[in-house]
């Protein structure tokens, strides 16, 4: 079994990591866990002013911050995992990765750190629920 845990550094994504750790304890065959962060691309003008190295550093720093909450939770629970930081619009990037990695389950928080929030679910979670081909667990 392959589980993708989509994180964004929010407290809710840390709760999603706790959920994955709990699933891991319950399963006899330990799943492969991939912790995924999809960082939105910079505006072209900002990217040009930062240069290639600056843009790479920006996304790497964002990835480190986003993974910061999930990593200790999974490590304490002795869950082996790999990290993946991708650059792109979060919902389509997560969906594309889930499909290409042939995962069996996507776990993510109900709301993230985005500026725009829906009443019940965040916009990324809403898009993913409506378009994902594999089971999705939304943690609140």
N, C-alpha and C. Protein backbone atom coordinates (compact mmCIF):
# COMPACT_ATOMS: atom_id res chain seq x y z
N UNK A 1 0.85 -1.18 0.00
CA UNK A 1 0.00 0.00 0.00
C UNK A 1 0.89 1.23 0.00
N UNK A 2 0.49 2.23 -0.76
CA UNK A 2 1.23 3.48 -0.84
C UNK A 2 0.29 4.62 -0.42
N UNK A 3 0.72 5.40 0.58
CA UNK A 3 -0.05 6.52 1.09
C UNK A 3 0.71 7.81 0.79
N UNK A 4 0.01 8.79 0.22
CA UNK A 4 0.58 10.12 0.04
C UNK A 4 -0.05 11.02 1.09
N UNK A 5 0.79 11.67 1.86
CA UNK A 5 0.36 12.64 2.86
C UNK A 5 0.71 14.02 2.32
N UNK A 6 -0.31 14.79 1.93
CA UNK A 6 -0.09 16.14 1.41
C UNK A 6 -0.08 17.10 2.59
N UNK A 7 0.99 17.88 2.71
CA UNK A 7 1.14 18.82 3.82
C UNK A 7 1.38 20.22 3.30
N UNK A 8 1.15 21.19 4.19
CA UNK A 8 1.43 22.59 3.84
C UNK A 8 2.02 23.36 5.01
N UNK A 9 2.34 22.68 6.09
CA UNK A 9 2.91 23.35 7.25
C UNK A 9 1.89 23.83 8.26
N UNK A 10 0.62 23.67 7.97
CA UNK A 10 -0.43 24.12 8.89
C UNK A 10 -0.60 23.12 10.02
N UNK A 11 -1.19 23.56 11.14
CA UNK A 11 -1.47 22.63 12.24
C UNK A 11 -2.38 21.47 11.81
N UNK A 12 -3.27 21.71 10.87
CA UNK A 12 -4.16 20.65 10.42
C UNK A 12 -3.40 19.60 9.62
N UNK A 13 -2.37 20.01 8.88
CA UNK A 13 -1.59 18.99 8.17
C UNK A 13 -0.74 18.17 9.14
N UNK A 14 -0.40 18.75 10.28
CA UNK A 14 0.28 17.97 11.32
C UNK A 14 -0.68 16.93 11.90
N UNK A 15 -1.95 17.31 12.05
CA UNK A 15 -2.96 16.34 12.49
C UNK A 15 -3.12 15.22 11.46
N UNK A 16 -3.04 15.57 10.19
CA UNK A 16 -3.12 14.55 9.13
C UNK A 16 -1.94 13.58 9.25
N UNK A 17 -0.77 14.09 9.62
CA UNK A 17 0.39 13.22 9.83
C UNK A 17 0.14 12.27 11.01
N UNK A 18 -0.51 12.76 12.06
CA UNK A 18 -0.86 11.88 13.19
C UNK A 18 -1.81 10.78 12.75
N UNK A 19 -2.72 11.13 11.85
CA UNK A 19 -3.66 10.13 11.32
C UNK A 19 -2.92 9.05 10.54
N UNK A 20 -1.95 9.46 9.72
CA UNK A 20 -1.16 8.49 8.96
C UNK A 20 -0.37 7.60 9.92
N UNK A 21 0.18 8.18 10.98
CA UNK A 21 0.92 7.39 11.97
C UNK A 21 -0.01 6.37 12.63
N UNK A 22 -1.23 6.76 12.90
CA UNK A 22 -2.20 5.85 13.49
C UNK A 22 -2.55 4.72 12.52
N UNK A 23 -2.76 5.05 11.26
CA UNK A 23 -3.02 4.03 10.24
C UNK A 23 -1.85 3.05 10.16
N UNK A 24 -0.66 3.59 10.19
CA UNK A 24 0.55 2.78 10.09
C UNK A 24 0.59 1.74 11.22
N UNK A 25 0.24 2.15 12.43
CA UNK A 25 0.23 1.22 13.57
C UNK A 25 -0.81 0.12 13.39
N UNK A 26 -1.93 0.44 12.75
CA UNK A 26 -3.03 -0.50 12.62
C UNK A 26 -2.85 -1.51 11.50
N UNK A 27 -2.04 -1.20 10.52
CA UNK A 27 -1.89 -2.08 9.36
C UNK A 27 -0.81 -3.12 9.58
N UNK A 28 -1.11 -4.35 9.23
CA UNK A 28 -0.12 -5.43 9.36
C UNK A 28 1.00 -5.25 8.34
N UNK A 29 0.64 -5.00 7.10
CA UNK A 29 1.63 -4.71 6.06
C UNK A 29 1.87 -3.20 6.08
N UNK A 30 3.05 -2.80 6.49
CA UNK A 30 3.35 -1.38 6.65
C UNK A 30 3.36 -0.68 5.28
N UNK A 31 2.61 0.41 5.17
CA UNK A 31 2.52 1.09 3.88
C UNK A 31 3.77 1.93 3.59
N UNK A 32 3.97 2.20 2.32
CA UNK A 32 4.98 3.17 1.91
C UNK A 32 4.33 4.54 2.05
N UNK A 33 4.99 5.46 2.72
CA UNK A 33 4.43 6.79 2.96
C UNK A 33 5.30 7.83 2.25
N UNK A 34 4.63 8.68 1.50
CA UNK A 34 5.30 9.78 0.81
C UNK A 34 4.69 11.07 1.34
N UNK A 35 5.53 11.94 1.91
CA UNK A 35 5.07 13.24 2.40
C UNK A 35 5.32 14.24 1.27
N UNK A 36 4.24 14.85 0.81
CA UNK A 36 4.28 15.71 -0.38
C UNK A 36 3.90 17.14 -0.03
N UNK A 37 4.70 18.06 -0.54
CA UNK A 37 4.36 19.48 -0.45
C UNK A 37 4.39 20.06 -1.85
N UNK A 38 3.33 20.73 -2.25
CA UNK A 38 3.25 21.38 -3.56
C UNK A 38 3.26 22.89 -3.33
N UNK A 39 4.33 23.53 -3.74
CA UNK A 39 4.52 24.96 -3.55
C UNK A 39 4.07 25.71 -4.80
N UNK A 40 3.22 26.70 -4.60
CA UNK A 40 2.73 27.50 -5.73
C UNK A 40 3.89 28.24 -6.39
N UNK A 41 3.90 28.31 -7.71
CA UNK A 41 4.99 29.01 -8.40
C UNK A 41 4.93 30.51 -8.12
N UNK A 42 6.09 31.13 -8.23
CA UNK A 42 6.18 32.58 -8.06
C UNK A 42 5.69 33.29 -9.32
N UNK A 43 5.28 34.53 -9.14
CA UNK A 43 4.96 35.34 -10.30
C UNK A 43 6.22 35.47 -11.15
N UNK A 44 6.03 35.54 -12.43
CA UNK A 44 7.16 35.58 -13.35
C UNK A 44 8.11 36.74 -13.04
N UNK A 45 7.55 37.91 -12.73
CA UNK A 45 8.40 39.07 -12.45
C UNK A 45 9.24 38.86 -11.19
N UNK A 46 8.66 38.21 -10.18
CA UNK A 46 9.40 37.93 -8.95
C UNK A 46 10.48 36.90 -9.23
N UNK A 47 10.13 35.86 -9.97
CA UNK A 47 11.10 34.82 -10.31
C UNK A 47 12.28 35.40 -11.10
N UNK A 48 11.99 36.31 -12.01
CA UNK A 48 13.07 36.91 -12.80
C UNK A 48 13.98 37.75 -11.91
N UNK A 49 13.42 38.46 -10.95
CA UNK A 49 14.26 39.30 -10.10
C UNK A 49 15.09 38.46 -9.12
N UNK A 50 14.58 37.29 -8.71
CA UNK A 50 15.32 36.42 -7.80
C UNK A 50 16.39 35.60 -8.51
N UNK A 51 16.15 35.29 -9.76
CA UNK A 51 17.07 34.44 -10.50
C UNK A 51 16.83 32.97 -10.17
N UNK A 52 17.47 32.09 -10.92
CA UNK A 52 17.25 30.65 -10.77
C UNK A 52 17.60 30.16 -9.37
N UNK A 53 18.77 30.56 -8.89
CA UNK A 53 19.19 30.11 -7.55
C UNK A 53 18.26 30.63 -6.46
N UNK A 54 17.83 31.88 -6.60
CA UNK A 54 16.92 32.47 -5.61
C UNK A 54 15.58 31.76 -5.59
N UNK A 55 15.06 31.43 -6.76
CA UNK A 55 13.79 30.71 -6.86
C UNK A 55 13.93 29.31 -6.25
N UNK A 56 15.02 28.63 -6.58
CA UNK A 56 15.25 27.29 -6.02
C UNK A 56 15.34 27.34 -4.50
N UNK A 57 16.05 28.33 -3.97
CA UNK A 57 16.18 28.48 -2.52
C UNK A 57 14.82 28.79 -1.89
N UNK A 58 14.04 29.65 -2.53
CA UNK A 58 12.71 30.01 -2.04
C UNK A 58 11.84 28.76 -1.88
N UNK A 59 11.78 27.94 -2.92
CA UNK A 59 10.94 26.74 -2.89
C UNK A 59 11.49 25.70 -1.91
N UNK A 60 12.81 25.58 -1.83
CA UNK A 60 13.41 24.64 -0.87
C UNK A 60 13.10 25.07 0.57
N UNK A 61 13.20 26.37 0.85
CA UNK A 61 12.88 26.88 2.19
C UNK A 61 11.41 26.65 2.53
N UNK A 62 10.53 26.93 1.57
CA UNK A 62 9.10 26.69 1.79
C UNK A 62 8.83 25.21 2.06
N UNK A 63 9.50 24.35 1.32
CA UNK A 63 9.34 22.91 1.51
C UNK A 63 9.77 22.48 2.90
N UNK A 64 10.91 23.01 3.36
CA UNK A 64 11.40 22.68 4.71
C UNK A 64 10.38 23.08 5.77
N UNK A 65 9.83 24.28 5.63
CA UNK A 65 8.83 24.76 6.59
C UNK A 65 7.57 23.91 6.55
N UNK A 66 7.12 23.57 5.34
CA UNK A 66 5.88 22.79 5.19
C UNK A 66 6.01 21.39 5.77
N UNK A 67 7.19 20.80 5.66
CA UNK A 67 7.41 19.43 6.14
C UNK A 67 7.75 19.38 7.63
N UNK A 68 8.03 20.52 8.21
CA UNK A 68 8.52 20.60 9.59
C UNK A 68 7.58 19.97 10.62
N UNK A 69 6.30 20.12 10.47
CA UNK A 69 5.34 19.57 11.44
C UNK A 69 5.13 18.07 11.30
N UNK A 70 5.13 17.58 10.07
CA UNK A 70 4.83 16.17 9.82
C UNK A 70 6.01 15.25 10.13
N UNK A 71 7.21 15.71 9.84
CA UNK A 71 8.39 14.86 9.99
C UNK A 71 8.58 14.31 11.41
N UNK A 72 8.52 15.14 12.46
CA UNK A 72 8.72 14.58 13.80
C UNK A 72 7.59 13.64 14.23
N UNK A 73 6.37 13.93 13.78
CA UNK A 73 5.23 13.06 14.12
C UNK A 73 5.46 11.67 13.54
N UNK A 74 5.84 11.59 12.28
CA UNK A 74 6.05 10.31 11.63
C UNK A 74 7.30 9.61 12.18
N UNK A 75 8.34 10.37 12.44
CA UNK A 75 9.57 9.79 12.98
C UNK A 75 9.35 9.18 14.36
N UNK A 76 8.64 9.90 15.24
CA UNK A 76 8.35 9.38 16.58
C UNK A 76 7.54 8.09 16.52
N UNK A 77 6.67 8.00 15.50
CA UNK A 77 5.83 6.80 15.35
C UNK A 77 6.56 5.70 14.58
N UNK A 78 7.83 5.95 14.24
CA UNK A 78 8.65 4.98 13.51
C UNK A 78 8.06 4.63 12.14
N UNK A 79 7.52 5.65 11.48
CA UNK A 79 6.98 5.50 10.14
C UNK A 79 8.08 5.90 9.15
N UNK A 80 8.48 4.98 8.32
CA UNK A 80 9.45 5.30 7.27
C UNK A 80 8.73 6.09 6.19
N UNK A 81 9.35 7.17 5.73
CA UNK A 81 8.70 7.99 4.71
C UNK A 81 9.75 8.63 3.82
N UNK A 82 9.29 9.03 2.65
CA UNK A 82 10.12 9.83 1.75
C UNK A 82 9.46 11.19 1.61
N UNK A 83 10.27 12.19 1.30
CA UNK A 83 9.77 13.55 1.14
C UNK A 83 9.81 13.94 -0.32
N UNK A 84 8.83 14.71 -0.71
CA UNK A 84 8.78 15.19 -2.10
C UNK A 84 8.27 16.62 -2.07
N UNK A 85 9.04 17.55 -2.65
CA UNK A 85 8.62 18.94 -2.78
C UNK A 85 8.50 19.23 -4.27
N UNK A 86 7.31 19.64 -4.69
CA UNK A 86 7.06 19.95 -6.10
C UNK A 86 6.62 21.40 -6.21
N UNK A 87 6.86 22.00 -7.36
CA UNK A 87 6.44 23.37 -7.61
C UNK A 87 5.33 23.34 -8.64
N UNK A 88 4.20 23.96 -8.30
CA UNK A 88 3.06 24.02 -9.20
C UNK A 88 1.81 24.38 -8.41
N UNK A 89 0.76 24.69 -9.12
CA UNK A 89 -0.52 24.96 -8.48
C UNK A 89 -0.86 23.75 -7.62
N UNK A 90 -1.10 23.92 -6.31
CA UNK A 90 -1.19 22.77 -5.41
C UNK A 90 -2.17 21.67 -5.81
N UNK A 91 -3.41 21.99 -6.08
CA UNK A 91 -4.39 20.92 -6.37
C UNK A 91 -4.00 20.09 -7.59
N UNK A 92 -3.78 20.69 -8.75
CA UNK A 92 -3.41 19.85 -9.90
C UNK A 92 -2.07 19.14 -9.72
N UNK A 93 -1.14 19.77 -9.02
CA UNK A 93 0.17 19.14 -8.80
C UNK A 93 0.03 17.91 -7.91
N UNK A 94 -0.76 18.02 -6.86
CA UNK A 94 -1.00 16.87 -5.98
C UNK A 94 -1.72 15.76 -6.74
N UNK A 95 -2.75 16.12 -7.50
CA UNK A 95 -3.50 15.12 -8.27
C UNK A 95 -2.61 14.40 -9.27
N UNK A 96 -1.76 15.13 -9.96
CA UNK A 96 -0.86 14.53 -10.94
C UNK A 96 0.12 13.58 -10.25
N UNK A 97 0.66 13.98 -9.10
CA UNK A 97 1.60 13.13 -8.38
C UNK A 97 0.91 11.87 -7.88
N UNK A 98 -0.30 12.00 -7.34
CA UNK A 98 -1.04 10.85 -6.84
C UNK A 98 -1.25 9.83 -7.96
N UNK A 99 -1.61 10.34 -9.12
CA UNK A 99 -1.85 9.44 -10.25
C UNK A 99 -0.55 8.79 -10.73
N UNK A 100 0.51 9.57 -10.87
CA UNK A 100 1.76 9.03 -11.40
C UNK A 100 2.46 8.10 -10.41
N UNK A 101 2.24 8.30 -9.11
CA UNK A 101 2.90 7.45 -8.11
C UNK A 101 2.08 6.20 -7.79
N UNK A 102 0.91 6.10 -8.40
CA UNK A 102 0.03 4.94 -8.19
C UNK A 102 -0.23 4.70 -6.70
N UNK A 103 -0.60 5.77 -6.02
CA UNK A 103 -0.87 5.63 -4.59
C UNK A 103 -2.27 5.05 -4.37
N UNK A 104 -2.46 4.51 -3.18
CA UNK A 104 -3.73 3.88 -2.82
C UNK A 104 -4.61 4.78 -1.97
N UNK A 105 -4.00 5.78 -1.34
CA UNK A 105 -4.74 6.66 -0.43
C UNK A 105 -4.02 8.00 -0.36
N UNK A 106 -4.80 9.07 -0.39
CA UNK A 106 -4.29 10.42 -0.18
C UNK A 106 -4.85 10.92 1.13
N UNK A 107 -3.99 11.42 2.00
CA UNK A 107 -4.41 11.99 3.29
C UNK A 107 -3.97 13.44 3.31
N UNK A 108 -4.87 14.32 3.72
CA UNK A 108 -4.54 15.74 3.80
C UNK A 108 -5.45 16.44 4.79
N UNK A 109 -5.05 17.63 5.18
CA UNK A 109 -5.87 18.43 6.09
C UNK A 109 -7.01 19.10 5.37
N UNK A 110 -8.02 19.47 6.13
CA UNK A 110 -9.21 20.09 5.54
C UNK A 110 -8.98 21.53 5.12
N UNK A 111 -8.07 22.20 5.78
CA UNK A 111 -7.76 23.60 5.46
C UNK A 111 -6.29 23.81 5.64
N UNK A 112 -5.76 24.68 4.83
CA UNK A 112 -4.33 24.95 4.95
C UNK A 112 -4.06 26.38 5.32
N UNK A 113 -2.95 26.87 4.83
CA UNK A 113 -2.50 28.21 5.15
C UNK A 113 -2.88 29.23 4.10
N UNK A 114 -3.68 28.82 3.10
CA UNK A 114 -4.04 29.73 2.02
C UNK A 114 -4.82 30.93 2.50
N UNK A 115 -4.74 32.02 1.75
CA UNK A 115 -5.42 33.26 2.13
C UNK A 115 -6.93 33.16 1.94
N UNK A 116 -7.37 32.37 0.94
CA UNK A 116 -8.79 32.24 0.67
C UNK A 116 -9.30 30.95 1.27
N UNK A 117 -10.36 31.05 2.07
CA UNK A 117 -10.88 29.86 2.72
C UNK A 117 -12.36 29.70 2.39
N UNK A 118 -12.75 28.47 2.14
CA UNK A 118 -14.16 28.16 1.94
C UNK A 118 -14.80 27.95 3.30
N UNK A 119 -16.12 27.82 3.35
CA UNK A 119 -16.80 27.68 4.62
C UNK A 119 -16.49 26.37 5.32
N UNK A 120 -16.46 25.26 4.60
CA UNK A 120 -16.27 23.95 5.21
C UNK A 120 -14.89 23.39 4.93
N UNK A 121 -14.46 23.42 3.69
CA UNK A 121 -13.17 22.88 3.28
C UNK A 121 -12.36 23.95 2.58
N UNK A 122 -11.06 23.83 2.63
CA UNK A 122 -10.20 24.72 1.88
C UNK A 122 -10.36 24.48 0.39
N UNK A 123 -9.92 25.43 -0.41
CA UNK A 123 -10.10 25.32 -1.86
C UNK A 123 -9.31 24.15 -2.45
N UNK A 124 -8.10 23.88 -1.95
CA UNK A 124 -7.31 22.76 -2.47
C UNK A 124 -8.01 21.44 -2.16
N UNK A 125 -8.47 21.28 -0.92
CA UNK A 125 -9.17 20.04 -0.53
C UNK A 125 -10.43 19.85 -1.37
N UNK A 126 -11.16 20.91 -1.61
CA UNK A 126 -12.38 20.82 -2.41
C UNK A 126 -12.08 20.36 -3.83
N UNK A 127 -11.06 20.95 -4.45
CA UNK A 127 -10.68 20.56 -5.81
C UNK A 127 -10.24 19.10 -5.85
N UNK A 128 -9.44 18.71 -4.88
CA UNK A 128 -8.93 17.34 -4.87
C UNK A 128 -10.06 16.34 -4.67
N UNK A 129 -10.97 16.62 -3.76
CA UNK A 129 -12.10 15.70 -3.54
C UNK A 129 -12.93 15.52 -4.80
N UNK A 130 -13.09 16.58 -5.56
CA UNK A 130 -13.94 16.49 -6.75
C UNK A 130 -13.25 15.82 -7.93
N UNK A 131 -11.91 15.73 -7.91
CA UNK A 131 -11.22 15.22 -9.09
C UNK A 131 -10.30 14.02 -8.84
N UNK A 132 -10.13 13.58 -7.62
CA UNK A 132 -9.17 12.52 -7.33
C UNK A 132 -9.76 11.14 -7.65
N UNK A 133 -8.92 10.28 -8.23
CA UNK A 133 -9.35 8.94 -8.61
C UNK A 133 -9.12 7.89 -7.52
N UNK A 134 -8.42 8.25 -6.45
CA UNK A 134 -8.15 7.32 -5.36
C UNK A 134 -8.87 7.82 -4.10
N UNK A 135 -9.05 6.95 -3.11
CA UNK A 135 -9.68 7.40 -1.87
C UNK A 135 -8.90 8.54 -1.23
N UNK A 136 -9.63 9.49 -0.67
CA UNK A 136 -9.03 10.65 -0.01
C UNK A 136 -9.56 10.71 1.42
N UNK A 137 -8.65 10.86 2.37
CA UNK A 137 -9.04 11.07 3.76
C UNK A 137 -8.73 12.52 4.09
N UNK A 138 -9.76 13.26 4.49
CA UNK A 138 -9.60 14.65 4.89
C UNK A 138 -9.65 14.70 6.41
N UNK A 139 -8.60 15.25 6.99
CA UNK A 139 -8.50 15.34 8.45
C UNK A 139 -8.86 16.75 8.88
N UNK A 140 -9.68 16.84 9.90
CA UNK A 140 -10.08 18.17 10.42
C UNK A 140 -9.41 18.46 11.71
